[in-house]
Structures are given as structure tokens and as C-alpha cells.
Amino acid sequence: MDVFMMIRRKKTTIFTDAKETTPVHELKRMIEGILKVPPRDQRLYNKDNQLMDDDRTLQDCGITVATAKAQCPAQLGLAIRENSGDFEQLDLTPYSLPPDLPDVMKNQ
């Protein structure tokens, strides 16, 4: 079955889907195709900010059809190795809030 994920890093959000049985390493290869960052330079974190092991499947990491639906995807964090060789701190920039509705559009 397909699971749906939002992979976030700073101001970047990637929406993707995969099978529950997909290994974390394969998900990193999908990210490589988008961001051009090799899997060895990526770290993925689950919703509890725990590092996800490359050899485990998404299902092993708690990403299942029940927890990662299309209308409510699982949120993962992404950190990338910097030029110094160290991984950056996990940084998920909050989404901005929409402005208030103008008075003419509010119910009276």
C-alpha cells in the first residue's frame, strides 16, 4: 500500500509517496533525484525527530497506511551534510499564516 509523506528541510517541502515496504535508503534516492544530494549526505528524521535507519523500511519506522494518508501525510525532517563534513541541525521553518479575511468577506 502507498504511504504519503511531506519531507521538510528549512523552507523546502517535498510531497512524495512510496510503498510501506520501501527501505529508507530508497526514499533517500528519491530525494537525490529532486535535490541532487547523494543519500550518504542525507539524514531523515521521523515525527519524533528520531534518526531513521537506512536499512529499515518505512513501515518499520512507523510510517504506515494508517499514519500517512494522502489527506494527512507523515511529516519527515531532512538534514544535509555541510561542506565541513558535519550534518546541519534539523531546521523546519514554520509555514506562514494566511492574512485575515477582509470584513466584506466575513459572515455578518
N, C-alpha and C. Protein backbone atom coordinates (compact mmCIF):
# COMPACT_ATOMS: atom_id res chain seq x y z
N MET A 1 0.84 -1.19 0.00
CA MET A 1 0.00 0.00 0.00
C MET A 1 0.88 1.25 0.00
N ASP A 2 0.38 2.31 -0.58
CA ASP A 2 1.13 3.57 -0.65
C ASP A 2 0.98 4.37 0.64
N VAL A 3 2.10 4.97 1.04
CA VAL A 3 2.10 5.93 2.14
C VAL A 3 2.52 7.27 1.56
N PHE A 4 2.04 8.34 2.16
CA PHE A 4 2.29 9.68 1.65
C PHE A 4 3.07 10.46 2.69
N MET A 5 4.08 11.21 2.21
CA MET A 5 4.98 11.91 3.12
C MET A 5 5.23 13.34 2.67
N MET A 6 5.46 14.20 3.65
CA MET A 6 5.97 15.55 3.43
C MET A 6 7.37 15.55 4.03
N ILE A 7 8.37 15.75 3.20
CA ILE A 7 9.75 15.78 3.67
C ILE A 7 10.15 17.24 3.72
N ARG A 8 10.51 17.71 4.91
CA ARG A 8 10.76 19.14 5.10
C ARG A 8 12.21 19.41 5.51
N ARG A 9 12.74 20.49 4.93
CA ARG A 9 14.07 21.00 5.29
C ARG A 9 14.04 22.50 5.08
N LYS A 10 14.27 23.24 6.13
CA LYS A 10 14.23 24.70 6.08
C LYS A 10 12.94 25.15 5.41
N LYS A 11 13.02 25.86 4.28
CA LYS A 11 11.81 26.34 3.61
C LYS A 11 11.37 25.44 2.46
N THR A 12 11.98 24.27 2.35
CA THR A 12 11.66 23.34 1.28
C THR A 12 10.75 22.23 1.79
N THR A 13 9.71 21.93 1.04
CA THR A 13 8.82 20.81 1.35
C THR A 13 8.65 19.96 0.10
N ILE A 14 8.90 18.66 0.25
CA ILE A 14 8.74 17.71 -0.85
C ILE A 14 7.58 16.79 -0.49
N PHE A 15 6.59 16.71 -1.36
CA PHE A 15 5.49 15.76 -1.19
C PHE A 15 5.81 14.55 -2.05
N THR A 16 5.75 13.36 -1.45
CA THR A 16 6.03 12.15 -2.21
C THR A 16 5.25 10.98 -1.64
N ASP A 17 5.22 9.90 -2.39
CA ASP A 17 4.60 8.68 -1.91
C ASP A 17 5.51 7.51 -2.21
N ALA A 18 5.31 6.43 -1.46
CA ALA A 18 6.10 5.22 -1.63
C ALA A 18 5.31 4.07 -1.02
N LYS A 19 5.80 2.87 -1.21
CA LYS A 19 5.20 1.70 -0.58
C LYS A 19 5.67 1.61 0.87
N GLU A 20 4.85 1.01 1.72
CA GLU A 20 5.24 0.81 3.12
C GLU A 20 6.53 0.01 3.24
N THR A 21 6.76 -0.86 2.27
CA THR A 21 7.92 -1.75 2.32
C THR A 21 9.19 -1.12 1.74
N THR A 22 9.11 0.14 1.34
CA THR A 22 10.27 0.83 0.77
C THR A 22 11.31 1.07 1.86
N PRO A 23 12.58 0.69 1.62
CA PRO A 23 13.63 1.00 2.60
C PRO A 23 13.90 2.51 2.64
N VAL A 24 14.35 2.98 3.79
CA VAL A 24 14.67 4.40 3.96
C VAL A 24 15.72 4.82 2.93
N HIS A 25 16.67 3.94 2.65
CA HIS A 25 17.72 4.28 1.67
C HIS A 25 17.12 4.58 0.29
N GLU A 26 16.08 3.84 -0.08
CA GLU A 26 15.43 4.08 -1.38
C GLU A 26 14.71 5.43 -1.38
N LEU A 27 14.11 5.80 -0.26
CA LEU A 27 13.48 7.12 -0.15
C LEU A 27 14.53 8.22 -0.33
N LYS A 28 15.72 8.00 0.23
CA LYS A 28 16.80 8.98 0.06
C LYS A 28 17.22 9.09 -1.41
N ARG A 29 17.14 7.99 -2.15
CA ARG A 29 17.46 8.03 -3.58
C ARG A 29 16.42 8.86 -4.34
N MET A 30 15.16 8.79 -3.90
CA MET A 30 14.11 9.64 -4.50
C MET A 30 14.42 11.11 -4.24
N ILE A 31 14.85 11.41 -3.02
CA ILE A 31 15.20 12.79 -2.67
C ILE A 31 16.40 13.24 -3.49
N GLU A 32 17.36 12.34 -3.72
CA GLU A 32 18.54 12.67 -4.53
C GLU A 32 18.11 13.11 -5.93
N GLY A 33 17.10 12.46 -6.49
CA GLY A 33 16.62 12.83 -7.82
C GLY A 33 16.04 14.23 -7.87
N ILE A 34 15.55 14.72 -6.73
CA ILE A 34 14.94 16.05 -6.68
C ILE A 34 15.96 17.11 -6.27
N LEU A 35 16.70 16.86 -5.19
CA LEU A 35 17.61 17.87 -4.63
C LEU A 35 19.06 17.73 -5.10
N LYS A 36 19.38 16.63 -5.78
CA LYS A 36 20.76 16.39 -6.26
C LYS A 36 21.74 16.28 -5.10
N VAL A 37 21.30 15.69 -4.00
CA VAL A 37 22.15 15.45 -2.82
C VAL A 37 22.23 13.94 -2.64
N PRO A 38 23.44 13.34 -2.65
CA PRO A 38 23.54 11.89 -2.53
C PRO A 38 23.00 11.38 -1.19
N PRO A 39 22.49 10.14 -1.17
CA PRO A 39 21.92 9.58 0.06
C PRO A 39 22.87 9.61 1.26
N ARG A 40 24.16 9.43 1.04
CA ARG A 40 25.11 9.43 2.17
C ARG A 40 25.20 10.80 2.84
N ASP A 41 24.76 11.84 2.14
CA ASP A 41 24.79 13.20 2.69
C ASP A 41 23.42 13.65 3.20
N GLN A 42 22.52 12.69 3.41
CA GLN A 42 21.17 13.00 3.90
C GLN A 42 20.92 12.27 5.21
N ARG A 43 20.17 12.91 6.07
CA ARG A 43 19.64 12.27 7.28
C ARG A 43 18.15 12.54 7.32
N LEU A 44 17.37 11.48 7.51
CA LEU A 44 15.92 11.62 7.63
C LEU A 44 15.51 11.37 9.07
N TYR A 45 14.57 12.18 9.54
CA TYR A 45 14.07 12.08 10.91
C TYR A 45 12.57 11.87 10.86
N ASN A 46 12.06 11.02 11.77
CA ASN A 46 10.62 10.81 11.84
C ASN A 46 9.95 11.92 12.62
N LYS A 47 8.64 11.77 12.86
CA LYS A 47 7.87 12.83 13.53
C LYS A 47 8.36 13.12 14.95
N ASP A 48 9.05 12.15 15.56
CA ASP A 48 9.59 12.33 16.91
C ASP A 48 11.04 12.83 16.88
N ASN A 49 11.48 13.27 15.70
CA ASN A 49 12.85 13.75 15.48
C ASN A 49 13.90 12.68 15.80
N GLN A 50 13.55 11.42 15.57
CA GLN A 50 14.50 10.32 15.73
C GLN A 50 15.06 9.97 14.36
N LEU A 51 16.37 9.74 14.31
CA LEU A 51 17.04 9.40 13.06
C LEU A 51 16.50 8.08 12.52
N MET A 52 16.20 8.06 11.23
CA MET A 52 15.68 6.85 10.58
C MET A 52 16.85 6.07 9.98
N ASP A 53 16.93 4.78 10.30
CA ASP A 53 18.00 3.89 9.85
C ASP A 53 17.79 3.51 8.38
N ASP A 54 18.84 3.61 7.58
CA ASP A 54 18.76 3.33 6.14
C ASP A 54 18.26 1.93 5.81
N ASP A 55 18.55 0.95 6.66
CA ASP A 55 18.22 -0.44 6.36
C ASP A 55 16.79 -0.81 6.74
N ARG A 56 16.10 0.05 7.46
CA ARG A 56 14.73 -0.24 7.88
C ARG A 56 13.75 0.20 6.79
N THR A 57 12.57 -0.40 6.81
CA THR A 57 11.53 0.02 5.87
C THR A 57 10.75 1.17 6.49
N LEU A 58 9.98 1.84 5.66
CA LEU A 58 9.14 2.92 6.17
C LEU A 58 8.18 2.39 7.23
N GLN A 59 7.64 1.20 6.99
CA GLN A 59 6.73 0.58 7.96
C GLN A 59 7.43 0.34 9.29
N ASP A 60 8.69 -0.10 9.26
CA ASP A 60 9.46 -0.31 10.49
C ASP A 60 9.65 0.99 11.26
N CYS A 61 9.64 2.11 10.53
CA CYS A 61 9.84 3.43 11.15
C CYS A 61 8.52 4.07 11.57
N GLY A 62 7.42 3.31 11.47
CA GLY A 62 6.13 3.82 11.91
C GLY A 62 5.34 4.56 10.85
N ILE A 63 5.79 4.50 9.60
CA ILE A 63 5.07 5.17 8.51
C ILE A 63 4.24 4.10 7.80
N THR A 64 2.95 4.08 8.12
CA THR A 64 2.05 3.07 7.59
C THR A 64 0.87 3.74 6.89
N VAL A 65 0.05 2.93 6.24
CA VAL A 65 -1.14 3.45 5.57
C VAL A 65 -2.04 4.17 6.57
N ALA A 66 -2.06 3.69 7.80
CA ALA A 66 -2.91 4.31 8.83
C ALA A 66 -2.38 5.67 9.28
N THR A 67 -1.06 5.86 9.23
CA THR A 67 -0.47 7.11 9.75
C THR A 67 -0.02 8.07 8.67
N ALA A 68 -0.07 7.67 7.40
CA ALA A 68 0.46 8.51 6.32
C ALA A 68 -0.48 8.47 5.12
N LYS A 69 -1.65 9.07 5.30
CA LYS A 69 -2.65 9.10 4.24
C LYS A 69 -2.43 10.31 3.33
N ALA A 70 -3.02 10.27 2.16
CA ALA A 70 -2.86 11.38 1.21
C ALA A 70 -3.37 12.69 1.79
N GLN A 71 -4.48 12.64 2.53
CA GLN A 71 -5.05 13.87 3.09
C GLN A 71 -4.35 14.29 4.38
N CYS A 72 -3.51 13.42 4.93
CA CYS A 72 -2.76 13.74 6.16
C CYS A 72 -1.42 13.01 6.10
N PRO A 73 -0.48 13.50 5.27
CA PRO A 73 0.79 12.79 5.08
C PRO A 73 1.67 12.82 6.33
N ALA A 74 2.54 11.83 6.43
CA ALA A 74 3.53 11.80 7.51
C ALA A 74 4.55 12.90 7.26
N GLN A 75 4.98 13.55 8.31
CA GLN A 75 5.99 14.61 8.17
C GLN A 75 7.35 14.07 8.59
N LEU A 76 8.32 14.21 7.69
CA LEU A 76 9.69 13.80 7.96
C LEU A 76 10.60 15.01 7.87
N GLY A 77 11.66 15.00 8.66
CA GLY A 77 12.65 16.07 8.61
C GLY A 77 13.86 15.60 7.84
N LEU A 78 14.51 16.52 7.13
CA LEU A 78 15.70 16.22 6.34
C LEU A 78 16.82 17.15 6.75
N ALA A 79 17.98 16.56 7.03
CA ALA A 79 19.20 17.34 7.29
C ALA A 79 20.24 16.90 6.26
N ILE A 80 21.05 17.84 5.82
CA ILE A 80 22.05 17.58 4.78
C ILE A 80 23.44 17.87 5.33
N ARG A 81 24.41 17.07 4.86
CA ARG A 81 25.80 17.25 5.29
C ARG A 81 26.34 18.55 4.71
N GLU A 82 26.97 19.35 5.57
CA GLU A 82 27.56 20.62 5.15
C GLU A 82 28.96 20.38 4.58
N ASN A 83 29.56 21.42 4.01
CA ASN A 83 30.91 21.31 3.44
C ASN A 83 31.95 20.91 4.47
N SER A 84 31.70 21.23 5.75
CA SER A 84 32.64 20.89 6.82
C SER A 84 32.64 19.39 7.13
N GLY A 85 31.65 18.67 6.60
CA GLY A 85 31.55 17.24 6.86
C GLY A 85 30.54 16.90 7.94
N ASP A 86 30.09 17.91 8.68
CA ASP A 86 29.09 17.70 9.73
C ASP A 86 27.70 17.89 9.14
N PHE A 87 26.72 17.24 9.76
CA PHE A 87 25.34 17.44 9.32
C PHE A 87 24.78 18.69 9.96
N GLU A 88 23.97 19.42 9.19
CA GLU A 88 23.31 20.61 9.71
C GLU A 88 22.29 20.21 10.77
N GLN A 89 21.95 21.16 11.62
CA GLN A 89 20.88 20.94 12.58
C GLN A 89 19.56 20.83 11.82
N LEU A 90 18.67 20.00 12.33
CA LEU A 90 17.35 19.88 11.71
C LEU A 90 16.63 21.21 11.85
N ASP A 91 16.20 21.78 10.72
CA ASP A 91 15.58 23.10 10.71
C ASP A 91 14.34 23.05 9.84
N LEU A 92 13.17 23.12 10.48
CA LEU A 92 11.89 23.13 9.76
C LEU A 92 11.26 24.49 9.96
N THR A 93 11.35 25.33 8.95
CA THR A 93 10.78 26.67 9.02
C THR A 93 9.26 26.55 9.07
N PRO A 94 8.61 27.18 10.06
CA PRO A 94 7.14 27.10 10.13
C PRO A 94 6.50 27.73 8.89
N TYR A 95 5.35 27.18 8.54
CA TYR A 95 4.60 27.75 7.42
C TYR A 95 4.03 29.10 7.84
N SER A 96 3.89 30.00 6.88
CA SER A 96 3.29 31.30 7.18
C SER A 96 1.78 31.15 7.31
N LEU A 97 1.18 32.06 8.02
CA LEU A 97 -0.27 32.05 8.19
C LEU A 97 -0.91 32.97 7.16
N PRO A 98 -2.07 32.61 6.65
CA PRO A 98 -2.73 33.49 5.68
C PRO A 98 -3.22 34.75 6.38
N PRO A 99 -3.37 35.84 5.64
CA PRO A 99 -3.87 37.07 6.26
C PRO A 99 -5.34 36.91 6.65
N ASP A 100 -5.80 37.76 7.55
CA ASP A 100 -7.21 37.75 7.94
C ASP A 100 -8.08 38.08 6.73
N LEU A 101 -9.29 37.54 6.75
CA LEU A 101 -10.24 37.85 5.68
C LEU A 101 -10.67 39.31 5.78
N PRO A 102 -10.84 39.96 4.65
CA PRO A 102 -11.39 41.32 4.70
C PRO A 102 -12.80 41.29 5.28
N ASP A 103 -13.21 42.39 5.89
CA ASP A 103 -14.53 42.46 6.53
C ASP A 103 -15.66 42.13 5.57
N VAL A 104 -15.53 42.54 4.31
CA VAL A 104 -16.61 42.30 3.35
C VAL A 104 -16.80 40.80 3.06
N MET A 105 -15.80 39.99 3.35
CA MET A 105 -15.90 38.56 3.08
C MET A 105 -16.34 37.76 4.30
N LYS A 106 -16.38 38.39 5.46
CA LYS A 106 -16.79 37.70 6.68
C LYS A 106 -18.30 37.64 6.76
N ASN A 107 -18.80 36.57 7.36
CA ASN A 107 -20.25 36.45 7.57
C ASN A 107 -20.70 37.47 8.59
N GLN A 108 -21.84 38.06 8.34
CA GLN A 108 -22.35 39.07 9.28
C GLN A 108 -23.53 38.55 10.04
